[in-house]
Amino acid sequence: MAIHYTDALDRTFHALGDASRRRMLAAISRNGACSAGELGALFDSAQPTISKHLRVLEEAELIARRVEGRRHVFTLAPSRMRQAQHWLERHLAFLGREPRSARRPARRIEENAEQRRQK
């Protein structure tokens, strides 16, 4: 199965690569929704820094914004997180295998090639 969301996946992992952004996601997850001001109060950072982190999360489609008057409220948008989870699960499956099992397909290919040469 091919993965066709490589660019989105790259943005997701980039966004998740920063501890402050992960903490913002955790706060939004805990509260269900947070305003930009509420998130800013949780961090010892200037407003432009908070806005930049929120923009990165929004561009990665990990959060959704709705405007209520002058307040910008953020909620989780789980579809990109699910794609990242799917990618991780798919690749982590290989870790449970013994190293020999990874060599078996190559050995079978070599055996098949040898059988074809003998014919």
N, C-alpha and C. Protein backbone atom coordinates (compact mmCIF):
# COMPACT_ATOMS: atom_id res chain seq x y z
N MET A 1 0.84 -1.18 0.00
CA MET A 1 0.00 0.00 0.00
C MET A 1 0.89 1.25 0.00
N ALA A 2 0.72 2.11 -0.96
CA ALA A 2 1.52 3.32 -1.08
C ALA A 2 0.95 4.42 -0.20
N ILE A 3 1.83 5.24 0.33
CA ILE A 3 1.41 6.39 1.12
C ILE A 3 1.48 7.61 0.21
N HIS A 4 0.35 8.29 0.04
CA HIS A 4 0.28 9.41 -0.89
C HIS A 4 0.26 10.76 -0.20
N TYR A 5 0.49 10.79 1.10
CA TYR A 5 0.42 12.06 1.82
C TYR A 5 1.77 12.43 2.39
N THR A 6 2.83 12.19 1.64
CA THR A 6 4.19 12.43 2.13
C THR A 6 4.38 13.88 2.56
N ASP A 7 3.95 14.84 1.77
CA ASP A 7 4.12 16.24 2.16
C ASP A 7 3.39 16.55 3.45
N ALA A 8 2.17 16.10 3.57
CA ALA A 8 1.40 16.32 4.80
C ALA A 8 2.06 15.60 5.97
N LEU A 9 2.55 14.41 5.74
CA LEU A 9 3.22 13.65 6.79
C LEU A 9 4.49 14.37 7.24
N ASP A 10 5.22 14.93 6.30
CA ASP A 10 6.42 15.71 6.66
C ASP A 10 6.04 16.91 7.53
N ARG A 11 4.97 17.61 7.16
CA ARG A 11 4.52 18.75 7.96
C ARG A 11 4.10 18.30 9.36
N THR A 12 3.43 17.15 9.43
CA THR A 12 2.98 16.63 10.72
C THR A 12 4.17 16.35 11.63
N PHE A 13 5.14 15.60 11.12
CA PHE A 13 6.30 15.26 11.95
C PHE A 13 7.13 16.49 12.29
N HIS A 14 7.21 17.45 11.36
CA HIS A 14 7.91 18.70 11.66
C HIS A 14 7.22 19.42 12.82
N ALA A 15 5.90 19.52 12.74
CA ALA A 15 5.14 20.20 13.80
C ALA A 15 5.29 19.48 15.14
N LEU A 16 5.29 18.17 15.10
CA LEU A 16 5.41 17.39 16.34
C LEU A 16 6.83 17.37 16.88
N GLY A 17 7.79 17.83 16.09
CA GLY A 17 9.19 17.81 16.49
C GLY A 17 9.55 18.86 17.52
N ASP A 18 8.64 19.74 17.85
CA ASP A 18 8.92 20.81 18.80
C ASP A 18 8.15 20.56 20.10
N ALA A 19 8.84 20.61 21.23
CA ALA A 19 8.22 20.32 22.52
C ALA A 19 7.11 21.31 22.87
N SER A 20 7.28 22.58 22.53
CA SER A 20 6.24 23.56 22.83
C SER A 20 4.96 23.25 22.06
N ARG A 21 5.10 22.86 20.80
CA ARG A 21 3.91 22.54 20.02
C ARG A 21 3.23 21.29 20.55
N ARG A 22 4.02 20.30 20.98
CA ARG A 22 3.42 19.10 21.57
C ARG A 22 2.67 19.46 22.86
N ARG A 23 3.22 20.37 23.65
CA ARG A 23 2.54 20.81 24.87
C ARG A 23 1.25 21.55 24.54
N MET A 24 1.26 22.33 23.47
CA MET A 24 0.03 23.02 23.04
C MET A 24 -1.03 22.01 22.64
N LEU A 25 -0.63 21.00 21.88
CA LEU A 25 -1.58 19.96 21.49
C LEU A 25 -2.14 19.25 22.71
N ALA A 26 -1.29 18.99 23.70
CA ALA A 26 -1.75 18.32 24.92
C ALA A 26 -2.75 19.20 25.66
N ALA A 27 -2.49 20.50 25.73
CA ALA A 27 -3.42 21.41 26.41
C ALA A 27 -4.76 21.46 25.69
N ILE A 28 -4.72 21.54 24.37
CA ILE A 28 -5.97 21.55 23.60
C ILE A 28 -6.72 20.24 23.80
N SER A 29 -5.98 19.14 23.81
CA SER A 29 -6.60 17.83 24.00
C SER A 29 -7.26 17.74 25.38
N ARG A 30 -6.58 18.21 26.41
CA ARG A 30 -7.12 18.16 27.77
C ARG A 30 -8.39 19.00 27.91
N ASN A 31 -8.38 20.19 27.30
CA ASN A 31 -9.48 21.14 27.47
C ASN A 31 -10.56 21.03 26.41
N GLY A 32 -10.29 20.31 25.34
CA GLY A 32 -11.25 20.22 24.25
C GLY A 32 -11.11 21.35 23.26
N ALA A 33 -10.79 22.54 23.76
CA ALA A 33 -10.56 23.72 22.92
C ALA A 33 -9.84 24.75 23.77
N CYS A 34 -9.00 25.55 23.13
CA CYS A 34 -8.27 26.62 23.82
C CYS A 34 -8.19 27.83 22.91
N SER A 35 -8.30 29.00 23.52
CA SER A 35 -8.09 30.22 22.74
C SER A 35 -6.59 30.49 22.66
N ALA A 36 -6.22 31.35 21.73
CA ALA A 36 -4.81 31.72 21.60
C ALA A 36 -4.32 32.35 22.89
N GLY A 37 -5.15 33.16 23.53
CA GLY A 37 -4.78 33.79 24.79
C GLY A 37 -4.57 32.77 25.90
N GLU A 38 -5.44 31.77 25.97
CA GLU A 38 -5.29 30.72 26.98
C GLU A 38 -4.00 29.94 26.77
N LEU A 39 -3.69 29.64 25.53
CA LEU A 39 -2.44 28.93 25.24
C LEU A 39 -1.24 29.80 25.56
N GLY A 40 -1.33 31.09 25.24
CA GLY A 40 -0.24 32.00 25.54
C GLY A 40 0.04 32.09 27.03
N ALA A 41 -1.02 32.03 27.85
CA ALA A 41 -0.86 32.10 29.30
C ALA A 41 -0.15 30.87 29.86
N LEU A 42 -0.23 29.75 29.15
CA LEU A 42 0.41 28.51 29.62
C LEU A 42 1.91 28.50 29.39
N PHE A 43 2.40 29.36 28.50
CA PHE A 43 3.79 29.33 28.10
C PHE A 43 4.46 30.66 28.42
N ASP A 44 5.72 30.59 28.75
CA ASP A 44 6.50 31.79 29.01
C ASP A 44 7.12 32.25 27.70
N SER A 45 6.27 32.63 26.76
CA SER A 45 6.73 33.05 25.43
C SER A 45 5.96 34.29 25.01
N ALA A 46 6.55 35.05 24.11
CA ALA A 46 5.90 36.23 23.57
C ALA A 46 4.76 35.81 22.63
N GLN A 47 3.80 36.68 22.45
CA GLN A 47 2.64 36.40 21.60
C GLN A 47 3.05 36.03 20.18
N PRO A 48 4.04 36.69 19.55
CA PRO A 48 4.43 36.28 18.19
C PRO A 48 4.95 34.84 18.13
N THR A 49 5.62 34.41 19.19
CA THR A 49 6.13 33.03 19.24
C THR A 49 4.97 32.04 19.32
N ILE A 50 3.99 32.35 20.17
CA ILE A 50 2.80 31.49 20.29
C ILE A 50 2.09 31.44 18.95
N SER A 51 1.94 32.59 18.30
CA SER A 51 1.25 32.64 17.00
C SER A 51 1.99 31.80 15.96
N LYS A 52 3.32 31.84 15.98
CA LYS A 52 4.10 31.05 15.03
C LYS A 52 3.87 29.56 15.26
N HIS A 53 3.90 29.14 16.52
CA HIS A 53 3.66 27.72 16.82
C HIS A 53 2.26 27.30 16.39
N LEU A 54 1.28 28.15 16.65
CA LEU A 54 -0.09 27.83 16.24
C LEU A 54 -0.21 27.76 14.72
N ARG A 55 0.49 28.64 14.03
CA ARG A 55 0.46 28.62 12.56
C ARG A 55 1.07 27.32 12.02
N VAL A 56 2.17 26.88 12.61
CA VAL A 56 2.80 25.62 12.18
C VAL A 56 1.84 24.45 12.42
N LEU A 57 1.19 24.42 13.58
CA LEU A 57 0.23 23.35 13.88
C LEU A 57 -0.96 23.40 12.94
N GLU A 58 -1.40 24.61 12.62
CA GLU A 58 -2.54 24.77 11.72
C GLU A 58 -2.17 24.37 10.29
N GLU A 59 -0.98 24.75 9.82
CA GLU A 59 -0.54 24.37 8.48
C GLU A 59 -0.34 22.87 8.35
N ALA A 60 0.02 22.22 9.46
CA ALA A 60 0.15 20.76 9.47
C ALA A 60 -1.21 20.09 9.61
N GLU A 61 -2.25 20.89 9.75
CA GLU A 61 -3.63 20.42 9.90
C GLU A 61 -3.81 19.55 11.14
N LEU A 62 -3.05 19.88 12.20
CA LEU A 62 -3.21 19.18 13.47
C LEU A 62 -4.23 19.88 14.36
N ILE A 63 -4.48 21.16 14.08
CA ILE A 63 -5.49 21.91 14.81
C ILE A 63 -6.37 22.67 13.81
N ALA A 64 -7.56 23.00 14.28
CA ALA A 64 -8.49 23.80 13.48
C ALA A 64 -8.80 25.07 14.27
N ARG A 65 -8.98 26.16 13.56
CA ARG A 65 -9.26 27.46 14.19
C ARG A 65 -10.69 27.88 13.87
N ARG A 66 -11.35 28.40 14.88
CA ARG A 66 -12.63 29.07 14.64
C ARG A 66 -12.56 30.42 15.34
N VAL A 67 -13.15 31.40 14.72
CA VAL A 67 -13.11 32.76 15.25
C VAL A 67 -14.45 33.07 15.88
N GLU A 68 -14.38 33.48 17.15
CA GLU A 68 -15.57 33.88 17.90
C GLU A 68 -15.37 35.34 18.31
N GLY A 69 -15.85 36.25 17.47
CA GLY A 69 -15.60 37.67 17.72
C GLY A 69 -14.13 37.95 17.54
N ARG A 70 -13.47 38.38 18.63
CA ARG A 70 -12.04 38.66 18.56
C ARG A 70 -11.20 37.47 19.04
N ARG A 71 -11.85 36.46 19.56
CA ARG A 71 -11.13 35.27 20.07
C ARG A 71 -10.92 34.24 18.97
N HIS A 72 -9.73 33.69 18.93
CA HIS A 72 -9.43 32.59 18.03
C HIS A 72 -9.34 31.33 18.90
N VAL A 73 -10.21 30.38 18.61
CA VAL A 73 -10.30 29.17 19.42
C VAL A 73 -9.79 28.00 18.59
N PHE A 74 -8.96 27.17 19.22
CA PHE A 74 -8.32 26.05 18.53
C PHE A 74 -8.81 24.73 19.09
N THR A 75 -9.08 23.80 18.19
CA THR A 75 -9.46 22.44 18.56
C THR A 75 -8.56 21.47 17.80
N LEU A 76 -8.50 20.24 18.26
CA LEU A 76 -7.70 19.24 17.56
C LEU A 76 -8.38 18.83 16.27
N ALA A 77 -7.59 18.56 15.26
CA ALA A 77 -8.05 18.01 13.99
C ALA A 77 -7.31 16.68 13.83
N PRO A 78 -7.93 15.57 14.21
CA PRO A 78 -7.19 14.31 14.37
C PRO A 78 -6.78 13.56 13.10
N SER A 79 -7.25 13.94 11.93
CA SER A 79 -6.97 13.11 10.75
C SER A 79 -5.48 13.01 10.43
N ARG A 80 -4.74 14.11 10.54
CA ARG A 80 -3.30 14.06 10.25
C ARG A 80 -2.56 13.25 11.31
N MET A 81 -3.01 13.34 12.54
CA MET A 81 -2.39 12.56 13.61
C MET A 81 -2.61 11.06 13.34
N ARG A 82 -3.80 10.73 12.85
CA ARG A 82 -4.07 9.32 12.51
C ARG A 82 -3.18 8.84 11.37
N GLN A 83 -2.93 9.70 10.39
CA GLN A 83 -2.04 9.32 9.29
C GLN A 83 -0.63 9.06 9.81
N ALA A 84 -0.17 9.92 10.73
CA ALA A 84 1.16 9.71 11.32
C ALA A 84 1.18 8.42 12.13
N GLN A 85 0.12 8.17 12.87
CA GLN A 85 0.02 6.92 13.64
C GLN A 85 0.07 5.71 12.72
N HIS A 86 -0.66 5.77 11.63
CA HIS A 86 -0.68 4.68 10.66
C HIS A 86 0.72 4.43 10.11
N TRP A 87 1.41 5.51 9.76
CA TRP A 87 2.76 5.39 9.23
C TRP A 87 3.69 4.74 10.27
N LEU A 88 3.60 5.21 11.51
CA LEU A 88 4.44 4.65 12.57
C LEU A 88 4.13 3.18 12.82
N GLU A 89 2.86 2.84 12.90
CA GLU A 89 2.49 1.44 13.13
C GLU A 89 2.99 0.54 12.02
N ARG A 90 2.88 1.03 10.81
CA ARG A 90 3.32 0.25 9.65
C ARG A 90 4.82 -0.03 9.72
N HIS A 91 5.60 0.96 10.13
CA HIS A 91 7.04 0.80 10.18
C HIS A 91 7.51 0.14 11.48
N LEU A 92 6.77 0.31 12.55
CA LEU A 92 7.13 -0.35 13.81
C LEU A 92 6.90 -1.85 13.75
N ALA A 93 6.05 -2.29 12.85
CA ALA A 93 5.79 -3.72 12.71
C ALA A 93 7.08 -4.48 12.40
N PHE A 94 8.00 -3.84 11.72
CA PHE A 94 9.27 -4.49 11.38
C PHE A 94 10.16 -4.70 12.60
N LEU A 95 9.98 -3.90 13.64
CA LEU A 95 10.82 -4.02 14.82
C LEU A 95 10.54 -5.30 15.61
N GLY A 96 9.33 -5.81 15.50
CA GLY A 96 8.96 -7.01 16.23
C GLY A 96 9.52 -8.28 15.61
N ARG A 97 10.04 -8.17 14.42
CA ARG A 97 10.56 -9.35 13.72
C ARG A 97 12.02 -9.58 14.07
N GLU A 98 12.43 -10.82 14.01
CA GLU A 98 13.83 -11.14 14.23
C GLU A 98 14.62 -10.77 12.98
N PRO A 99 15.89 -10.44 13.13
CA PRO A 99 16.68 -10.05 11.96
C PRO A 99 16.67 -11.10 10.85
N ARG A 100 16.62 -12.39 11.22
CA ARG A 100 16.62 -13.43 10.18
C ARG A 100 15.39 -13.33 9.29
N SER A 101 14.26 -12.96 9.88
CA SER A 101 13.03 -12.90 9.08
C SER A 101 13.13 -11.82 8.01
N ALA A 102 13.90 -10.79 8.27
CA ALA A 102 14.07 -9.74 7.27
C ALA A 102 14.94 -10.24 6.11
N ARG A 103 15.78 -11.23 6.38
CA ARG A 103 16.65 -11.76 5.33
C ARG A 103 15.95 -12.83 4.49
N ARG A 104 14.88 -13.39 5.00
CA ARG A 104 14.20 -14.47 4.28
C ARG A 104 13.74 -14.07 2.89
N PRO A 105 13.07 -12.92 2.70
CA PRO A 105 12.65 -12.56 1.34
C PRO A 105 13.83 -12.47 0.38
N ALA A 106 14.94 -11.91 0.83
CA ALA A 106 16.13 -11.82 -0.04
C ALA A 106 16.64 -13.21 -0.39
N ARG A 107 16.64 -14.11 0.59
CA ARG A 107 17.10 -15.47 0.33
C ARG A 107 16.18 -16.16 -0.67
N ARG A 108 14.86 -15.93 -0.53
CA ARG A 108 13.92 -16.53 -1.49
C ARG A 108 14.14 -16.00 -2.89
N ILE A 109 14.42 -14.73 -3.02
CA ILE A 109 14.67 -14.13 -4.33
C ILE A 109 15.91 -14.77 -4.95
N GLU A 110 16.95 -14.92 -4.13
CA GLU A 110 18.18 -15.55 -4.63
C GLU A 110 17.92 -16.99 -5.05
N GLU A 111 17.13 -17.73 -4.25
CA GLU A 111 16.83 -19.13 -4.59
C GLU A 111 16.03 -19.20 -5.88
N ASN A 112 15.06 -18.31 -6.04
CA ASN A 112 14.26 -18.30 -7.27
C ASN A 112 15.12 -17.97 -8.48
N ALA A 113 16.04 -17.02 -8.32
CA ALA A 113 16.93 -16.65 -9.43
C ALA A 113 17.83 -17.86 -9.79
N GLU A 114 18.31 -18.56 -8.80
CA GLU A 114 19.17 -19.73 -9.03
C GLU A 114 18.38 -20.83 -9.76
N GLN A 115 17.13 -21.04 -9.35
CA GLN A 115 16.30 -22.06 -10.01
C GLN A 115 16.06 -21.70 -11.47
N ARG A 116 15.86 -20.42 -11.76
CA ARG A 116 15.64 -19.99 -13.14
C ARG A 116 16.89 -20.18 -13.97
N ARG A 117 18.04 -19.94 -13.39
CA ARG A 117 19.30 -20.13 -14.12
C ARG A 117 19.51 -21.59 -14.46
N GLN A 118 19.08 -22.49 -13.57
CA GLN A 118 19.28 -23.92 -13.79
C GLN A 118 18.37 -24.48 -14.87
N LYS A 119 17.28 -23.80 -15.17
CA LYS A 119 16.32 -24.29 -16.17
C LYS A 119 16.79 -24.04 -17.56
